Amino acid sequence: MNQPETLDSDIRALQQWLRAAWRQLGDPALTTFARRELRNQMKQCSADLRDCLQRAAEQQSEPVRPPAPAHSRAELRILSW
């Protein structure tokens, strides 16, 4: 898998985990401590999801340069001091 596919996979996994966590949070059998721990994990997962979504948006906004044809001349720059 390449980078965008891995990122998409991570995003889907985080979204699924959060969906399941919201369902579990509604369980009346959950103890106060377990509920607090689950909310803390959900906050961390949400932050990770935001980070992944931001990276995905940055990848989409990067312009894709087509490869230079083999017969073209390389761009050379002369730097002077």
Protein backbone atom coordinates (compact mmCIF):
# COMPACT_ATOMS: atom_id res chain seq x y z
CA MET A 1 0.00 0.00 0.00
CA ASN A 2 1.21 3.49 -0.72
CA GLN A 3 0.99 6.52 1.56
CA PRO A 4 -2.48 7.83 0.52
CA GLU A 5 -4.00 4.35 0.79
CA THR A 6 -2.47 3.85 4.24
CA LEU A 7 -3.77 7.24 5.35
CA ASP A 8 -7.28 6.42 4.06
CA SER A 9 -7.15 3.10 5.88
CA ASP A 10 -6.12 4.82 9.12
CA ILE A 11 -8.94 7.36 8.76
CA ARG A 12 -11.53 4.62 8.23
CA ALA A 13 -10.23 2.63 11.22
CA LEU A 14 -10.34 5.67 13.51
CA GLN A 15 -13.87 6.54 12.36
CA GLN A 16 -15.06 2.98 12.98
CA TRP A 17 -13.46 2.92 16.41
CA LEU A 18 -15.14 6.20 17.37
CA ARG A 19 -18.52 4.92 16.16
CA ALA A 20 -18.17 1.80 18.28
CA ALA A 21 -16.99 3.85 21.27
CA TRP A 22 -20.07 6.10 21.08
CA ARG A 23 -22.28 3.01 21.11
CA GLN A 24 -20.36 1.58 24.05
CA LEU A 25 -20.57 4.89 25.92
CA GLY A 26 -24.36 4.53 25.95
CA ASP A 27 -24.16 1.20 27.77
CA PRO A 28 -25.73 1.64 31.25
CA ALA A 29 -23.60 -1.22 32.64
CA LEU A 30 -20.42 0.82 32.11
CA THR A 31 -18.82 1.93 35.37
CA THR A 32 -17.97 5.56 36.04
CA PHE A 33 -14.25 4.82 35.77
CA ALA A 34 -14.66 2.86 32.53
CA ARG A 35 -16.82 5.66 31.09
CA ARG A 36 -14.16 8.26 31.97
CA GLU A 37 -11.39 6.13 30.45
CA LEU A 38 -13.43 5.59 27.29
CA ARG A 39 -14.02 9.34 26.94
CA ASN A 40 -10.27 9.97 27.35
CA GLN A 41 -9.51 7.41 24.65
CA MET A 42 -12.16 9.00 22.42
CA LYS A 43 -10.52 12.42 22.84
CA GLN A 44 -7.15 10.97 21.82
CA CYS A 45 -8.70 9.14 18.87
CA SER A 46 -10.45 12.33 17.75
CA ALA A 47 -7.15 14.22 17.85
CA ASP A 48 -5.48 11.46 15.81
CA LEU A 49 -8.34 11.54 13.31
CA ARG A 50 -8.05 15.33 12.95
CA ASP A 51 -4.31 14.94 12.30
CA CYS A 52 -4.91 12.26 9.65
CA LEU A 53 -7.59 14.35 7.95
CA GLN A 54 -5.30 17.37 7.91
CA ARG A 55 -2.49 15.33 6.33
CA ALA A 56 -4.92 13.96 3.72
CA ALA A 57 -6.06 17.50 2.87
CA GLU A 58 -2.44 18.64 2.52
CA GLN A 59 -1.68 15.75 0.18
CA GLN A 60 -4.64 16.63 -2.01
CA SER A 61 -3.64 20.27 -2.21
CA GLU A 62 -0.07 19.53 -3.32
CA PRO A 63 0.27 20.06 -7.06
CA VAL A 64 1.36 17.01 -8.97
CA ARG A 65 4.21 17.76 -11.36
CA PRO A 66 4.32 15.52 -14.40
CA PRO A 67 7.67 13.81 -14.91
CA ALA A 68 10.00 15.54 -17.31
CA PRO A 69 10.39 13.79 -20.65
CA ALA A 70 13.69 11.96 -21.07
CA HIS A 71 14.77 14.10 -24.02
CA SER A 72 14.24 17.48 -22.35
CA ARG A 73 17.06 19.50 -20.87
CA ALA A 74 17.36 19.80 -17.13
CA GLU A 75 16.73 23.22 -15.63
CA LEU A 76 20.03 24.62 -14.43
CA ARG A 77 20.43 27.62 -12.20
CA ILE A 78 23.62 29.56 -11.76
CA LEU A 79 24.05 30.96 -8.28
CA SER A 80 26.46 33.79 -7.69
CA TRP A 81 27.83 35.11 -4.45
